[in-house]
Amino acid sequence: MAKELRWRLVEDEDGHWYVIPADKERDFDFWVEATQTEQEDKRLGTDFEQYRLPGSPSNITFVDPKDGSDGVSICQQ
């Protein structure tokens, strides 16, 4: 059985929200920094605009979320 892709809600420095693959958070941070400093050459790789939400995360709804590996989990850092 293939491992299920996990997703994470993240926010850029302008208050825009994105739902990105959880394993791409470092890439997202790098992309945000390049975007803020207008260093287009450093934006190579994933185009995170495709993951941008059309508003607040409060607009997101879920069907039957569960706590744990089979549903929604809380990341504690």
PDB file of N, CA and C in Angstrom:
ATOM      1  N   MET A   1       0.846  -1.183   0.000  1.00  0.00           N
ATOM      2  CA  MET A   1       0.000   0.000   0.000  1.00  0.00           C
ATOM      3  C   MET A   1       0.893   1.248   0.000  1.00  0.00           C
ATOM      4  N   ALA A   2       0.621   2.168  -0.902  1.00  0.00           N
ATOM      5  CA  ALA A   2       1.403   3.405  -1.003  1.00  0.00           C
ATOM      6  C   ALA A   2       1.105   4.319   0.180  1.00  0.00           C
ATOM      7  N   LYS A   3       2.137   5.036   0.598  1.00  0.00           N
ATOM      8  CA  LYS A   3       1.963   5.977   1.696  1.00  0.00           C
ATOM      9  C   LYS A   3       1.084   7.141   1.236  1.00  0.00           C
ATOM     10  N   GLU A   4       0.124   7.498   2.065  1.00  0.00           N
ATOM     11  CA  GLU A   4      -0.792   8.589   1.742  1.00  0.00           C
ATOM     12  C   GLU A   4      -0.082   9.929   1.864  1.00  0.00           C
ATOM     13  N   LEU A   5      -0.289  10.801   0.893  1.00  0.00           N
ATOM     14  CA  LEU A   5       0.308  12.136   0.912  1.00  0.00           C
ATOM     15  C   LEU A   5      -0.333  12.976   2.000  1.00  0.00           C
ATOM     16  N   ARG A   6       0.481  13.585   2.839  1.00  0.00           N
ATOM     17  CA  ARG A   6      -0.002  14.466   3.907  1.00  0.00           C
ATOM     18  C   ARG A   6       0.089  15.914   3.423  1.00  0.00           C
ATOM     19  N   TRP A   7      -0.797  16.772   3.928  1.00  0.00           N
ATOM     20  CA  TRP A   7      -0.875  18.170   3.530  1.00  0.00           C
ATOM     21  C   TRP A   7      -0.759  19.055   4.761  1.00  0.00           C
ATOM     22  N   ARG A   8      -0.324  20.288   4.571  1.00  0.00           N
ATOM     23  CA  ARG A   8      -0.128  21.233   5.664  1.00  0.00           C
ATOM     24  C   ARG A   8      -0.648  22.609   5.250  1.00  0.00           C
ATOM     25  N   LEU A   9      -1.301  23.300   6.172  1.00  0.00           N
ATOM     26  CA  LEU A   9      -1.706  24.692   5.963  1.00  0.00           C
ATOM     27  C   LEU A   9      -0.530  25.589   6.336  1.00  0.00           C
ATOM     28  N   VAL A  10      -0.136  26.473   5.429  1.00  0.00           N
ATOM     29  CA  VAL A  10       0.960  27.405   5.688  1.00  0.00           C
ATOM     30  C   VAL A  10       0.553  28.800   5.215  1.00  0.00           C
ATOM     31  N   GLU A  11       1.223  29.789   5.756  1.00  0.00           N
ATOM     32  CA  GLU A  11       0.919  31.191   5.427  1.00  0.00           C
ATOM     33  C   GLU A  11       2.194  31.886   4.974  1.00  0.00           C
ATOM     34  N   ASP A  12       2.076  32.703   3.928  1.00  0.00           N
ATOM     35  CA  ASP A  12       3.240  33.479   3.513  1.00  0.00           C
ATOM     36  C   ASP A  12       3.290  34.794   4.292  1.00  0.00           C
ATOM     37  N   GLU A  13       4.281  35.607   4.010  1.00  0.00           N
ATOM     38  CA  GLU A  13       4.486  36.851   4.762  1.00  0.00           C
ATOM     39  C   GLU A  13       3.451  37.929   4.433  1.00  0.00           C
ATOM     40  N   ASP A  14       2.654  37.703   3.388  1.00  0.00           N
ATOM     41  CA  ASP A  14       1.609  38.656   3.014  1.00  0.00           C
ATOM     42  C   ASP A  14       0.229  38.236   3.511  1.00  0.00           C
ATOM     43  N   GLY A  15       0.175  37.167   4.294  1.00  0.00           N
ATOM     44  CA  GLY A  15      -1.095  36.717   4.840  1.00  0.00           C
ATOM     45  C   GLY A  15      -1.892  35.802   3.931  1.00  0.00           C
ATOM     46  N   HIS A  16      -1.284  35.334   2.833  1.00  0.00           N
ATOM     47  CA  HIS A  16      -1.955  34.388   1.943  1.00  0.00           C
ATOM     48  C   HIS A  16      -1.756  32.975   2.488  1.00  0.00           C
ATOM     49  N   TRP A  17      -2.793  32.160   2.411  1.00  0.00           N
ATOM     50  CA  TRP A  17      -2.748  30.793   2.916  1.00  0.00           C
ATOM     51  C   TRP A  17      -2.646  29.806   1.767  1.00  0.00           C
ATOM     52  N   TYR A  18      -1.958  28.689   2.038  1.00  0.00           N
ATOM     53  CA  TYR A  18      -1.730  27.635   1.069  1.00  0.00           C
ATOM     54  C   TYR A  18      -1.935  26.287   1.760  1.00  0.00           C
ATOM     55  N   VAL A  19      -2.375  25.297   0.985  1.00  0.00           N
ATOM     56  CA  VAL A  19      -2.394  23.911   1.442  1.00  0.00           C
ATOM     57  C   VAL A  19      -1.349  23.203   0.584  1.00  0.00           C
ATOM     58  N   ILE A  20      -0.214  22.876   1.201  1.00  0.00           N
ATOM     59  CA  ILE A  20       0.917  22.309   0.464  1.00  0.00           C
ATOM     60  C   ILE A  20       1.214  20.892   0.957  1.00  0.00           C
ATOM     61  N   PRO A  21       1.904  20.104   0.131  1.00  0.00           N
ATOM     62  CA  PRO A  21       2.358  18.807   0.624  1.00  0.00           C
ATOM     63  C   PRO A  21       3.242  19.019   1.857  1.00  0.00           C
ATOM     64  N   ALA A  22       3.016  18.232   2.903  1.00  0.00           N
ATOM     65  CA  ALA A  22       3.715  18.428   4.176  1.00  0.00           C
ATOM     66  C   ALA A  22       5.224  18.327   4.035  1.00  0.00           C
ATOM     67  N   ASP A  23       5.694  17.517   3.102  1.00  0.00           N
ATOM     68  CA  ASP A  23       7.138  17.352   2.941  1.00  0.00           C
ATOM     69  C   ASP A  23       7.784  18.471   2.118  1.00  0.00           C
ATOM     70  N   LYS A  24       7.013  19.466   1.716  1.00  0.00           N
ATOM     71  CA  LYS A  24       7.526  20.585   0.903  1.00  0.00           C
ATOM     72  C   LYS A  24       7.622  21.893   1.689  1.00  0.00           C
ATOM     73  N   GLU A  25       7.540  21.835   3.013  1.00  0.00           N
ATOM     74  CA  GLU A  25       7.526  23.074   3.806  1.00  0.00           C
ATOM     75  C   GLU A  25       8.820  23.876   3.654  1.00  0.00           C
ATOM     76  N   ARG A  26       9.951  23.222   3.648  1.00  0.00           N
ATOM     77  CA  ARG A  26      11.222  23.953   3.463  1.00  0.00           C
ATOM     78  C   ARG A  26      11.290  24.598   2.082  1.00  0.00           C
ATOM     79  N   ASP A  27      10.826  23.872   1.065  1.00  0.00           N
ATOM     80  CA  ASP A  27      10.784  24.436  -0.287  1.00  0.00           C
ATOM     81  C   ASP A  27       9.868  25.649  -0.334  1.00  0.00           C
ATOM     82  N   PHE A  28       8.742  25.558   0.380  1.00  0.00           N
ATOM     83  CA  PHE A  28       7.804  26.676   0.434  1.00  0.00           C
ATOM     84  C   PHE A  28       8.471  27.900   1.066  1.00  0.00           C
ATOM     85  N   ASP A  29       9.161  27.703   2.182  1.00  0.00           N
ATOM     86  CA  ASP A  29       9.854  28.818   2.843  1.00  0.00           C
ATOM     87  C   ASP A  29      10.863  29.473   1.907  1.00  0.00           C
ATOM     88  N   PHE A  30      11.600  28.665   1.165  1.00  0.00           N
ATOM     89  CA  PHE A  30      12.582  29.169   0.204  1.00  0.00           C
ATOM     90  C   PHE A  30      11.872  29.951  -0.902  1.00  0.00           C
ATOM     91  N   TRP A  31      10.744  29.417  -1.373  1.00  0.00           N
ATOM     92  CA  TRP A  31       9.964  30.068  -2.424  1.00  0.00           C
ATOM     93  C   TRP A  31       9.425  31.415  -1.942  1.00  0.00           C
ATOM     94  N   VAL A  32       8.910  31.454  -0.704  1.00  0.00           N
ATOM     95  CA  VAL A  32       8.389  32.706  -0.139  1.00  0.00           C
ATOM     96  C   VAL A  32       9.498  33.738  -0.046  1.00  0.00           C
ATOM     97  N   GLU A  33      10.663  33.337   0.433  1.00  0.00           N
ATOM     98  CA  GLU A  33      11.787  34.277   0.559  1.00  0.00           C
ATOM     99  C   GLU A  33      12.184  34.830  -0.807  1.00  0.00           C
ATOM    100  N   ALA A  34      12.256  33.961  -1.811  1.00  0.00           N
ATOM    101  CA  ALA A  34      12.613  34.399  -3.161  1.00  0.00           C
ATOM    102  C   ALA A  34      11.553  35.340  -3.720  1.00  0.00           C
ATOM    103  N   THR A  35      10.294  35.060  -3.421  1.00  0.00           N
ATOM    104  CA  THR A  35       9.201  35.906  -3.887  1.00  0.00           C
ATOM    105  C   THR A  35       9.277  37.289  -3.238  1.00  0.00           C
ATOM    106  N   GLN A  36       9.551  37.322  -1.938  1.00  0.00           N
ATOM    107  CA  GLN A  36       9.620  38.588  -1.214  1.00  0.00           C
ATOM    108  C   GLN A  36      10.783  39.452  -1.687  1.00  0.00           C
ATOM    109  N   THR A  37      11.870  38.829  -2.083  1.00  0.00           N
ATOM    110  CA  THR A  37      13.052  39.582  -2.510  1.00  0.00           C
ATOM    111  C   THR A  37      13.135  39.699  -4.028  1.00  0.00           C
ATOM    112  N   GLU A  38      12.082  39.197  -4.719  1.00  0.00           N
ATOM    113  CA  GLU A  38      11.993  39.259  -6.176  1.00  0.00           C
ATOM    114  C   GLU A  38      13.195  38.623  -6.870  1.00  0.00           C
ATOM    115  N   GLN A  39      13.682  37.540  -6.300  1.00  0.00           N
ATOM    116  CA  GLN A  39      14.788  36.798  -6.904  1.00  0.00           C
ATOM    117  C   GLN A  39      14.199  35.643  -7.703  1.00  0.00           C
ATOM    118  N   GLU A  40      13.700  35.971  -8.884  1.00  0.00           N
ATOM    119  CA  GLU A  40      12.995  34.994  -9.709  1.00  0.00           C
ATOM    120  C   GLU A  40      13.826  33.745  -9.987  1.00  0.00           C
ATOM    121  N   ASP A  41      15.139  33.890 -10.085  1.00  0.00           N
ATOM    122  CA  ASP A  41      15.990  32.747 -10.375  1.00  0.00           C
ATOM    123  C   ASP A  41      15.947  31.709  -9.256  1.00  0.00           C
ATOM    124  N   LYS A  42      15.620  32.124  -8.036  1.00  0.00           N
ATOM    125  CA  LYS A  42      15.552  31.203  -6.904  1.00  0.00           C
ATOM    126  C   LYS A  42      14.186  30.556  -6.758  1.00  0.00           C
ATOM    127  N   ARG A  43      13.226  30.926  -7.628  1.00  0.00           N
ATOM    128  CA  ARG A  43      11.872  30.376  -7.535  1.00  0.00           C
ATOM    129  C   ARG A  43      11.727  29.097  -8.348  1.00  0.00           C
ATOM    130  N   LEU A  44      12.843  28.569  -8.845  1.00  0.00           N
ATOM    131  CA  LEU A  44      12.791  27.341  -9.627  1.00  0.00           C
ATOM    132  C   LEU A  44      12.258  26.205  -8.762  1.00  0.00           C
ATOM    133  N   GLY A  45      11.603  25.254  -9.379  1.00  0.00           N
ATOM    134  CA  GLY A  45      11.042  24.133  -8.627  1.00  0.00           C
ATOM    135  C   GLY A  45       9.532  24.257  -8.545  1.00  0.00           C
ATOM    136  N   THR A  46       8.983  23.924  -7.404  1.00  0.00           N
ATOM    137  CA  THR A  46       7.537  23.915  -7.217  1.00  0.00           C
ATOM    138  C   THR A  46       6.959  25.325  -7.275  1.00  0.00           C
ATOM    139  N   ASP A  47       5.908  25.495  -8.058  1.00  0.00           N
ATOM    140  CA  ASP A  47       5.182  26.755  -8.084  1.00  0.00           C
ATOM    141  C   ASP A  47       4.047  26.648  -7.071  1.00  0.00           C
ATOM    142  N   PHE A  48       4.248  27.240  -5.917  1.00  0.00           N
ATOM    143  CA  PHE A  48       3.293  27.105  -4.830  1.00  0.00           C
ATOM    144  C   PHE A  48       2.010  27.906  -5.041  1.00  0.00           C
ATOM    145  N   GLU A  49       1.965  28.765  -6.065  1.00  0.00           N
ATOM    146  CA  GLU A  49       0.723  29.486  -6.356  1.00  0.00           C
ATOM    147  C   GLU A  49      -0.419  28.512  -6.633  1.00  0.00           C
ATOM    148  N   GLN A  50      -0.094  27.351  -7.150  1.00  0.00           N
ATOM    149  CA  GLN A  50      -1.140  26.361  -7.450  1.00  0.00           C
ATOM    150  C   GLN A  50      -1.832  25.854  -6.187  1.00  0.00           C
ATOM    151  N   TYR A  51      -1.217  26.049  -5.019  1.00  0.00           N
ATOM    152  CA  TYR A  51      -1.766  25.590  -3.750  1.00  0.00           C
ATOM    153  C   TYR A  51      -2.426  26.709  -2.936  1.00  0.00           C
ATOM    154  N   ARG A  52      -2.422  27.916  -3.480  1.00  0.00           N
ATOM    155  CA  ARG A  52      -2.952  29.061  -2.736  1.00  0.00           C
ATOM    156  C   ARG A  52      -4.463  28.958  -2.543  1.00  0.00           C
ATOM    157  N   LEU A  53      -4.913  29.258  -1.338  1.00  0.00           N
ATOM    158  CA  LEU A  53      -6.341  29.241  -1.023  1.00  0.00           C
ATOM    159  C   LEU A  53      -6.983  30.558  -1.454  1.00  0.00           C
ATOM    160  N   PRO A  54      -8.239  30.517  -1.836  1.00  0.00           N
ATOM    161  CA  PRO A  54      -8.926  31.736  -2.229  1.00  0.00           C
ATOM    162  C   PRO A  54      -9.513  32.466  -1.021  1.00  0.00           C
ATOM    163  N   GLY A  55      -8.723  32.603   0.021  1.00  0.00           N
ATOM    164  CA  GLY A  55      -9.194  33.277   1.225  1.00  0.00           C
ATOM    165  C   GLY A  55      -8.646  32.616   2.474  1.00  0.00           C
ATOM    166  N   SER A  56      -9.377  32.731   3.536  1.00  0.00           N
ATOM    167  CA  SER A  56      -8.987  32.234   4.851  1.00  0.00           C
ATOM    168  C   SER A  56      -9.120  30.714   4.958  1.00  0.00           C
ATOM    169  N   PRO A  57      -8.282  30.077   5.795  1.00  0.00           N
ATOM    170  CA  PRO A  57      -8.445  28.641   6.041  1.00  0.00           C
ATOM    171  C   PRO A  57      -9.807  28.303   6.637  1.00  0.00           C
ATOM    172  N   SER A  58     -10.487  29.275   7.195  1.00  0.00           N
ATOM    173  CA  SER A  58     -11.819  29.009   7.736  1.00  0.00           C
ATOM    174  C   SER A  58     -12.815  28.661   6.629  1.00  0.00           C
ATOM    175  N   ASN A  59     -12.423  28.872   5.368  1.00  0.00           N
ATOM    176  CA  ASN A  59     -13.272  28.505   4.238  1.00  0.00           C
ATOM    177  C   ASN A  59     -13.130  27.027   3.862  1.00  0.00           C
ATOM    178  N   ILE A  60     -12.177  26.334   4.472  1.00  0.00           N
ATOM    179  CA  ILE A  60     -11.926  24.930   4.164  1.00  0.00           C
ATOM    180  C   ILE A  60     -12.852  24.054   4.989  1.00  0.00           C
ATOM    181  N   THR A  61     -13.445  23.052   4.341  1.00  0.00           N
ATOM    182  CA  THR A  61     -14.289  22.096   5.051  1.00  0.00           C
ATOM    183  C   THR A  61     -13.722  20.692   4.854  1.00  0.00           C
ATOM    184  N   PHE A  62     -14.031  19.797   5.770  1.00  0.00           N
ATOM    185  CA  PHE A  62     -13.549  18.428   5.713  1.00  0.00           C
ATOM    186  C   PHE A  62     -14.719  17.470   5.807  1.00  0.00           C
ATOM    187  N   VAL A  63     -14.548  16.297   5.263  1.00  0.00           N
ATOM    188  CA  VAL A  63     -15.509  15.225   5.425  1.00  0.00           C
ATOM    189  C   VAL A  63     -14.903  14.205   6.380  1.00  0.00           C
ATOM    190  N   ASP A  64     -15.553  13.986   7.509  1.00  0.00           N
ATOM    191  CA  ASP A  64     -15.162  12.967   8.477  1.00  0.00           C
ATOM    192  C   ASP A  64     -13.675  13.003   8.859  1.00  0.00           C
ATOM    193  N   PRO A  65     -13.157  14.136   9.343  1.00  0.00           N
ATOM    194  CA  PRO A  65     -11.755  14.161   9.766  1.00  0.00           C
ATOM    195  C   PRO A  65     -11.569  13.314  11.022  1.00  0.00           C
ATOM    196  N   LYS A  66     -10.426  12.671  11.100  1.00  0.00           N
ATOM    197  CA  LYS A  66     -10.099  11.852  12.259  1.00  0.00           C
ATOM    198  C   LYS A  66      -8.732  12.278  12.772  1.00  0.00           C
ATOM    199  N   ASP A  67      -8.529  12.136  14.036  1.00  0.00           N
ATOM    200  CA  ASP A  67      -7.229  12.435  14.619  1.00  0.00           C
ATOM    201  C   ASP A  67      -6.353  11.203  14.482  1.00  0.00           C
ATOM    202  N   GLY A  68      -5.204  11.353  13.845  1.00  0.00           N
ATOM    203  CA  GLY A  68      -4.292  10.229  13.703  1.00  0.00           C
ATOM    204  C   GLY A  68      -3.847  10.016  12.277  1.00  0.00           C
ATOM    205  N   SER A  69      -3.252   8.864  12.020  1.00  0.00           N
ATOM    206  CA  SER A  69      -2.640   8.596  10.722  1.00  0.00           C
ATOM    207  C   SER A  69      -3.652   8.479   9.586  1.00  0.00           C
ATOM    208  N   ASP A  70      -4.917   8.229   9.900  1.00  0.00           N
ATOM    209  CA  ASP A  70      -5.902   8.073   8.833  1.00  0.00           C
ATOM    210  C   ASP A  70      -6.741   9.329   8.606  1.00  0.00           C
ATOM    211  N   GLY A  71      -6.363  10.438   9.201  1.00  0.00           N
ATOM    212  CA  GLY A  71      -7.136  11.656   9.017  1.00  0.00           C
ATOM    213  C   GLY A  71      -6.317  12.883   9.345  1.00  0.00           C
ATOM    214  N   VAL A  72      -6.922  13.836  10.006  1.00  0.00           N
ATOM    215  CA  VAL A  72      -6.260  15.077  10.375  1.00  0.00           C
ATOM    216  C   VAL A  72      -5.401  14.824  11.595  1.00  0.00           C
ATOM    217  N   SER A  73      -4.172  15.287  11.579  1.00  0.00           N
ATOM    218  CA  SER A  73      -3.327  15.168  12.767  1.00  0.00           C
ATOM    219  C   SER A  73      -2.779  16.531  13.131  1.00  0.00           C
ATOM    220  N   ILE A  74      -2.451  16.695  14.379  1.00  0.00           N
ATOM    221  CA  ILE A  74      -1.927  17.954  14.877  1.00  0.00           C
ATOM    222  C   ILE A  74      -0.416  17.857  14.933  1.00  0.00           C
ATOM    223  N   CYS A  75       0.250  18.802  14.273  1.00  0.00           N
ATOM    224  CA  CYS A  75       1.704  18.839  14.270  1.00  0.00           C
ATOM    225  C   CYS A  75       2.181  19.634  15.475  1.00  0.00           C
ATOM    226  N   GLN A  76       2.959  19.009  16.302  1.00  0.00           N
ATOM    227  CA  GLN A  76       3.499  19.704  17.476  1.00  0.00           C
ATOM    228  C   GLN A  76       4.986  19.875  17.268  1.00  0.00           C
ATOM    229  N   GLN A  77       5.405  21.132  17.200  1.00  0.00           N
ATOM    230  CA  GLN A  77       6.821  21.415  16.944  1.00  0.00           C
ATOM    231  C   GLN A  77       7.498  21.928  18.172  1.00  0.00           C
TER     232      GLN A  77
END
